[in-house]
Amino acid sequence: MAAQYRCIALGGTTETAIHSTVQEITTVPYNWRSVPYGYPLDNVRCRVVDSLGRDRFDWVSGELWIGGAGVALGYRHDAERTADRFVMQDGERWYRTGDLARL
């Protein structure tokens, strides 16, 4: 009997409760250069923004921001780094990953 496997990719950062996204991989097209980061888990939001924090259009690259219930309060004893990476926008707290992404 052949074994049945599923490939589930999880993505995220320590600053956002480790896992923030999920992507099931059923086939790998020949032209893929990387595995898609996936879709936000429940209670998680993801945005791709420009240098001013404005949402980018689909397929336009920008910085990945992660928001939601798992976002940390900041870095312990590092106010400067916390201020740089954790931002409030429209009443919501976001973690600026520094990663390049696109929708």
Protein backbone atom coordinates (compact mmCIF):
# COMPACT_ATOMS: atom_id res chain seq x y z
CA MET A 1 0.00 0.00 0.00
CA ALA A 2 1.42 3.39 -1.01
CA ALA A 3 1.76 6.04 1.68
CA GLN A 4 -0.29 9.20 1.32
CA TYR A 5 1.43 12.47 2.16
CA ARG A 6 0.44 16.13 2.22
CA CYS A 7 2.95 18.96 2.05
CA ILE A 8 1.91 21.92 4.16
CA ALA A 9 4.23 24.93 4.29
CA LEU A 10 4.01 27.25 7.30
CA GLY A 11 5.51 30.72 7.35
CA GLY A 12 5.98 33.41 9.93
CA THR A 13 8.33 35.15 12.30
CA THR A 14 9.18 34.84 15.97
CA GLU A 15 7.74 38.35 16.44
CA THR A 16 4.32 37.14 15.23
CA ALA A 17 3.83 33.91 17.21
CA ILE A 18 6.12 31.86 14.90
CA HIS A 19 3.53 30.75 12.30
CA SER A 20 1.34 33.28 10.52
CA THR A 21 0.63 31.70 7.13
CA VAL A 22 -0.15 28.30 5.62
CA GLN A 23 0.16 26.95 2.09
CA GLU A 24 -0.64 23.42 0.94
CA ILE A 25 1.61 22.31 -1.91
CA THR A 26 -0.08 19.80 -4.22
CA THR A 27 2.08 20.24 -7.32
CA VAL A 28 5.27 22.13 -8.00
CA PRO A 29 5.17 23.93 -11.34
CA TYR A 30 8.50 23.91 -13.18
CA ASN A 31 8.72 27.72 -13.16
CA TRP A 32 8.43 28.18 -9.38
CA ARG A 33 11.46 29.89 -7.88
CA SER A 34 10.13 29.55 -4.33
CA VAL A 35 7.18 28.13 -2.39
CA PRO A 36 4.38 30.67 -1.92
CA TYR A 37 4.32 32.10 1.60
CA GLY A 38 0.65 31.19 1.85
CA TYR A 39 -2.55 32.53 3.31
CA PRO A 40 -2.91 34.15 6.75
CA LEU A 41 -4.02 31.86 9.56
CA ASP A 42 -7.11 32.75 11.60
CA ASN A 43 -6.67 36.02 13.53
CA VAL A 44 -3.68 37.01 11.35
CA ARG A 45 -3.49 39.72 8.69
CA CYS A 46 -0.80 40.19 6.05
CA ARG A 47 -0.11 43.25 3.93
CA VAL A 48 2.41 44.13 1.26
CA VAL A 49 3.25 47.83 1.46
CA ASP A 50 5.52 50.46 -0.06
CA SER A 51 8.11 52.46 1.88
CA LEU A 52 5.36 54.77 3.21
CA GLY A 53 3.17 51.92 4.49
CA ARG A 54 0.66 52.13 1.64
CA ASP A 55 -0.81 48.88 0.29
CA ARG A 56 0.71 47.69 -2.99
CA PHE A 57 -1.34 46.42 -5.92
CA ASP A 58 -1.44 42.69 -6.70
CA TRP A 59 1.85 41.37 -8.17
CA VAL A 60 3.71 44.56 -7.17
CA SER A 61 6.45 43.80 -4.65
CA GLY A 62 6.86 45.55 -1.32
CA GLU A 63 7.57 44.88 2.33
CA LEU A 64 5.53 42.19 4.13
CA TRP A 65 3.75 43.41 7.26
CA ILE A 66 2.04 40.95 9.62
CA GLY A 67 -0.70 41.94 12.04
CA GLY A 68 -3.22 40.26 14.29
CA ALA A 69 -3.50 38.51 17.62
CA GLY A 70 0.03 37.06 17.69
CA VAL A 71 2.06 40.24 17.14
CA ALA A 72 4.55 40.78 19.97
CA LEU A 73 4.65 43.98 21.99
CA GLY A 74 8.24 44.58 20.94
CA TYR A 75 11.82 43.63 21.71
CA ARG A 76 12.75 43.37 25.39
CA HIS A 77 15.00 46.24 26.46
CA ASP A 78 15.36 47.52 22.87
CA ALA A 79 13.06 50.50 22.41
CA GLU A 80 14.83 51.73 19.28
CA ARG A 81 14.49 48.43 17.41
CA THR A 82 10.90 48.06 18.65
CA ALA A 83 9.99 51.50 17.29
CA ASP A 84 11.51 50.60 13.92
CA ARG A 85 9.84 47.20 13.47
CA PHE A 86 6.48 47.50 15.28
CA VAL A 87 4.15 50.16 13.94
CA MET A 88 0.58 51.28 14.53
CA GLN A 89 -1.50 52.12 11.48
CA ASP A 90 -5.24 52.82 11.48
CA GLY A 91 -5.50 51.54 15.05
CA GLU A 92 -3.83 48.22 14.31
CA ARG A 93 -0.40 46.97 15.38
CA TRP A 94 1.85 45.60 12.62
CA TYR A 95 5.23 43.90 12.51
CA ARG A 96 7.43 45.09 9.63
CA THR A 97 9.22 41.91 8.56
CA GLY A 98 11.70 43.53 6.21
CA ASP A 99 10.92 40.72 3.74
CA LEU A 100 10.13 41.44 0.12
CA ALA A 101 6.77 39.97 -0.96
CA ARG A 102 3.89 40.39 -3.40
CA LEU A 103 0.24 39.41 -3.44
